[in-house]
Amino acid sequence: MANPHIDAHHRLVIAHVAPTPPCHPTEPSSYAVVVSDLEHFADRVHVGGLLVVDDAGNDLEIKGRGDSNSGFGDYKGWPDVSRAVLDVLGPDPRFEHVLAYQCMRVWRRVRQ
């Protein structure tokens, strides 16, 4: 499981949910690991709090991506992380997507 930063009031959860060794992001089990982490962290965020997920921008078309001046090039994150975010947080009525920056996504908890 990832090591999150959770503030004292559970208003901000920053978690790097990408699978870590021995689970490589190209292995079939990596998707399940990310889903498990997202479900765990989502339950810990209070209403009004934010869940920040890195490496989750594969489905996004971002203007300027690929620009060598951006420092990010064409990096979009890991496909399993992106897919897990859409599968877990996308249909979850407790969360709304509020921001995408490069390969990072931010979701706000809007209800219990």
Protein backbone atom coordinates (compact mmCIF):
# COMPACT_ATOMS: atom_id res chain seq x y z
CA MET A 1 0.00 0.00 0.00
CA ALA A 2 1.18 3.52 -0.74
CA ASN A 3 2.30 5.86 2.01
CA PRO A 4 -0.12 8.79 2.02
CA HIS A 5 0.13 12.23 3.54
CA ILE A 6 -3.09 12.88 5.44
CA ASP A 7 -3.55 16.13 7.32
CA ALA A 8 -4.99 16.19 10.83
CA HIS A 9 -8.52 16.92 9.61
CA HIS A 10 -8.52 14.43 6.71
CA ARG A 11 -9.01 17.31 4.30
CA LEU A 12 -6.07 16.48 2.03
CA VAL A 13 -4.85 13.04 1.08
CA ILE A 14 -1.84 12.89 -1.19
CA ALA A 15 -1.04 9.36 -2.16
CA HIS A 16 1.32 7.92 -4.69
CA VAL A 17 -0.83 4.91 -5.49
CA ALA A 18 1.36 3.56 -8.26
CA PRO A 19 2.41 0.00 -7.52
CA THR A 20 5.83 -0.45 -6.00
CA PRO A 21 8.18 -3.44 -6.27
CA PRO A 22 7.70 -6.32 -6.48
CA CYS A 23 4.56 -5.25 -8.36
CA HIS A 24 5.78 -3.72 -11.63
CA PRO A 25 3.31 -1.41 -13.45
CA THR A 26 3.23 -3.71 -16.48
CA GLU A 27 2.19 -6.76 -14.46
CA PRO A 28 -1.49 -7.73 -14.46
CA SER A 29 -1.64 -7.42 -10.66
CA SER A 30 -0.71 -3.71 -10.68
CA TYR A 31 -4.26 -2.62 -11.56
CA ALA A 32 -5.66 -4.52 -8.56
CA VAL A 33 -3.08 -2.94 -6.24
CA VAL A 34 -4.00 0.57 -7.40
CA VAL A 35 -7.74 -0.13 -7.07
CA SER A 36 -7.20 -1.39 -3.54
CA ASP A 37 -5.18 1.71 -2.60
CA LEU A 38 -7.76 4.08 -4.10
CA GLU A 39 -10.64 2.40 -2.29
CA HIS A 40 -8.72 2.58 0.99
CA PHE A 41 -7.73 6.24 0.60
CA ALA A 42 -11.15 7.35 -0.69
CA ASP A 43 -12.74 6.15 2.55
CA ARG A 44 -10.29 8.26 4.59
CA VAL A 45 -11.10 11.59 2.92
CA HIS A 46 -13.71 13.72 4.70
CA VAL A 47 -16.34 15.74 2.84
CA GLY A 48 -14.65 18.79 1.33
CA GLY A 49 -11.27 17.05 1.34
CA LEU A 50 -9.10 16.34 -1.68
CA LEU A 51 -7.61 13.15 -3.03
CA VAL A 52 -4.57 13.81 -5.21
CA VAL A 53 -3.45 11.01 -7.52
CA ASP A 54 -0.22 11.12 -9.50
CA ASP A 55 0.56 9.20 -12.72
CA ALA A 56 -3.11 9.15 -13.73
CA GLY A 57 -3.34 11.20 -16.92
CA ASN A 58 -3.30 8.63 -19.72
CA ASP A 59 -6.86 9.44 -20.77
CA LEU A 60 -6.34 13.21 -20.81
CA GLU A 61 -5.56 15.42 -23.79
CA ILE A 62 -3.46 18.17 -22.28
CA LYS A 63 -2.47 21.22 -24.31
CA GLY A 64 1.28 21.59 -24.39
CA ARG A 65 2.01 17.97 -23.58
CA GLY A 66 5.08 16.98 -25.51
CA ASP A 67 6.52 20.48 -25.27
CA SER A 68 10.18 20.08 -24.34
CA ASN A 69 9.95 23.28 -22.26
CA SER A 70 7.34 21.73 -19.94
CA GLY A 71 9.80 19.32 -18.37
CA PHE A 72 7.30 16.50 -18.70
CA GLY A 73 7.56 15.65 -22.38
CA ASP A 74 4.96 13.07 -23.39
CA TYR A 75 4.75 11.40 -19.97
CA LYS A 76 1.11 10.68 -19.10
CA GLY A 77 1.52 8.35 -16.15
CA TRP A 78 0.83 4.65 -15.90
CA PRO A 79 -2.09 3.13 -17.81
CA ASP A 80 -3.13 0.95 -14.85
CA VAL A 81 -3.23 3.97 -12.53
CA SER A 82 -5.23 6.02 -15.02
CA ARG A 83 -7.70 3.19 -15.61
CA ALA A 84 -8.08 2.47 -11.89
CA VAL A 85 -8.78 6.15 -11.14
CA LEU A 86 -11.51 6.23 -13.78
CA ASP A 87 -12.97 2.90 -12.62
CA VAL A 88 -12.94 3.71 -8.88
CA LEU A 89 -13.40 7.47 -8.55
CA GLY A 90 -15.16 8.20 -11.85
CA PRO A 91 -18.48 6.53 -10.96
CA ASP A 92 -18.22 7.20 -7.20
CA PRO A 93 -20.94 9.77 -6.33
CA ARG A 94 -18.92 10.86 -3.28
CA PHE A 95 -16.22 12.44 -5.48
CA GLU A 96 -15.97 15.01 -8.25
CA HIS A 97 -12.96 15.56 -10.48
CA VAL A 98 -11.76 19.14 -9.98
CA LEU A 99 -8.32 19.44 -11.55
CA ALA A 100 -5.84 17.77 -13.86
CA TYR A 101 -2.28 19.01 -14.19
CA GLN A 102 0.11 17.07 -16.43
CA CYS A 103 -0.32 13.49 -15.14
CA MET A 104 -1.78 14.47 -11.74
CA ARG A 105 -5.51 14.35 -10.97
CA VAL A 106 -7.36 15.96 -8.06
CA TRP A 107 -10.75 14.72 -6.78
CA ARG A 108 -12.90 16.44 -4.12
CA ARG A 109 -15.14 14.51 -1.77
CA VAL A 110 -18.58 16.14 -2.03
CA ARG A 111 -20.73 13.79 0.09
CA GLN A 112 -20.63 11.01 2.65
